[in-house]
Amino acid sequence: MTGPQWRARKPPAPLGLTFCVTRKSDLTHDEYVDYWRNEHAMIPLPMLKTFCQFYVDADRSAELAEVAGLLAGAYDGISEPTYRDVDHFRELTLDPRVRVGA
C-alpha cells in the first residue's frame, strides 16, 4: 500500500502494533480519512508512546501492486500505536477508556 502518513509523535517506540483498517460502508474513503484524522485520533485516551496513521491511496497502491505482480489490498489505512514497553502496553490495553474510546 502507498499513501500519506501522519505521525503524532516521533520517533517510534520499541513495542508496537500494526492494524490494517477499513472504513464503514456508509463512508467514502475521503470521509473516512477526515473522520479518522480529525475526530477519532483526537479522542482523549491515555498517552501512547507514538501513534501513526497511514492513509491508503488506492490508485497508487494498485499501480505499485501491478508492477510488483501482487494483489492490491482493500484497506483504507494502517494504524500503528507504539508503547514504551510491555508494562505500558498492558496498562493501556486494560484501561477501560481505551476499550471504549478506541
Protein backbone atom coordinates (compact mmCIF):
# COMPACT_ATOMS: atom_id res chain seq x y z
CA MET A 1 0.00 0.00 0.00
CA THR A 2 1.10 3.54 -0.60
CA GLY A 3 -0.23 6.89 0.60
CA PRO A 4 0.42 9.74 3.03
CA GLN A 5 1.36 9.13 6.64
CA TRP A 6 0.64 11.11 9.78
CA ARG A 7 2.68 10.64 12.97
CA ALA A 8 1.55 12.22 16.20
CA ARG A 9 4.98 11.86 17.82
CA LYS A 10 8.39 10.67 16.72
CA PRO A 11 10.50 8.52 16.97
CA PRO A 12 8.74 5.14 17.19
CA ALA A 13 8.95 3.10 20.38
CA PRO A 14 10.40 -0.41 20.74
CA LEU A 15 6.96 -2.10 21.02
CA GLY A 16 4.16 -1.50 18.55
CA LEU A 17 1.20 -2.99 16.76
CA THR A 18 0.01 -2.61 13.18
CA PHE A 19 -3.69 -2.62 12.30
CA CYS A 20 -4.94 -2.70 8.71
CA VAL A 21 -8.23 -0.81 8.84
CA THR A 22 -11.27 -0.44 6.58
CA ARG A 23 -13.99 2.15 6.67
CA LYS A 24 -17.66 1.63 7.42
CA SER A 25 -19.60 1.02 4.22
CA ASP A 26 -21.61 4.25 4.55
CA LEU A 27 -18.47 6.43 4.29
CA THR A 28 -16.38 7.30 1.25
CA HIS A 29 -12.63 6.89 1.62
CA ASP A 30 -12.20 10.68 1.92
CA GLU A 31 -14.95 10.95 4.56
CA TYR A 32 -13.33 8.12 6.49
CA VAL A 33 -9.87 9.71 6.41
CA ASP A 34 -11.36 13.03 7.55
CA TYR A 35 -13.18 11.37 10.47
CA TRP A 36 -10.23 9.16 11.39
CA ARG A 37 -7.73 12.04 11.37
CA ASN A 38 -9.82 14.85 12.82
CA GLU A 39 -12.17 13.09 15.25
CA HIS A 40 -11.06 9.55 16.11
CA ALA A 41 -7.38 10.47 16.53
CA MET A 42 -8.38 13.26 18.92
CA ILE A 43 -10.30 11.02 21.36
CA PRO A 44 -8.69 11.75 24.75
CA LEU A 45 -7.08 8.46 25.73
CA PRO A 46 -4.09 7.57 27.90
CA MET A 47 -0.81 8.52 26.25
CA LEU A 48 0.74 6.17 23.72
CA LYS A 49 4.47 6.40 23.03
CA THR A 50 3.68 7.24 19.39
CA PHE A 51 0.70 6.87 17.08
CA CYS A 52 0.83 6.77 13.31
CA GLN A 53 -1.99 6.85 10.77
CA PHE A 54 -1.19 5.83 7.20
CA TYR A 55 -3.88 6.74 4.67
CA VAL A 56 -4.01 4.44 1.64
CA ASP A 57 -4.06 5.93 -1.85
CA ALA A 58 -5.97 3.14 -3.64
CA ASP A 59 -4.97 4.14 -7.19
CA ARG A 60 -1.24 4.41 -6.43
CA SER A 61 -1.36 1.20 -4.39
CA ALA A 62 -3.00 -0.66 -7.31
CA GLU A 63 -0.32 0.65 -9.71
CA LEU A 64 2.51 -0.45 -7.42
CA ALA A 65 0.88 -3.83 -6.79
CA GLU A 66 0.63 -4.40 -10.54
CA VAL A 67 4.30 -3.50 -11.04
CA ALA A 68 5.24 -5.96 -8.28
CA GLY A 69 2.89 -8.67 -9.55
CA LEU A 70 0.85 -8.62 -6.34
CA LEU A 71 -2.79 -8.09 -5.45
CA ALA A 72 -3.63 -4.65 -4.05
CA GLY A 73 -5.01 -4.65 -0.51
CA ALA A 74 -8.56 -3.49 0.19
CA TYR A 75 -7.67 -1.36 3.20
CA ASP A 76 -8.26 2.33 3.78
CA GLY A 77 -5.39 2.77 6.18
CA ILE A 78 -2.94 1.41 8.69
CA SER A 79 -2.83 2.36 12.36
CA GLU A 80 0.40 1.95 14.31
CA PRO A 81 0.25 2.58 18.06
CA THR A 82 3.52 2.11 19.92
CA TYR A 83 4.34 1.64 23.60
CA ARG A 84 7.28 2.25 25.94
CA ASP A 85 7.42 -1.43 26.96
CA VAL A 86 5.22 -4.45 27.73
CA ASP A 87 4.02 -2.96 31.03
CA HIS A 88 2.90 0.20 29.23
CA PHE A 89 1.11 -1.93 26.61
CA ARG A 90 -0.65 -3.93 29.34
CA GLU A 91 -1.62 -0.76 31.24
CA LEU A 92 -3.21 0.88 28.19
CA THR A 93 -4.81 -2.29 26.85
CA LEU A 94 -6.60 -2.90 30.16
CA ASP A 95 -7.67 0.74 30.60
CA PRO A 96 -11.49 1.00 30.20
CA ARG A 97 -11.14 4.34 28.37
CA VAL A 98 -9.13 2.59 25.65
CA ARG A 99 -11.56 -0.30 25.36
CA VAL A 100 -14.49 2.10 24.86
CA GLY A 101 -12.83 5.02 23.04
CA ALA A 102 -10.59 3.20 20.60
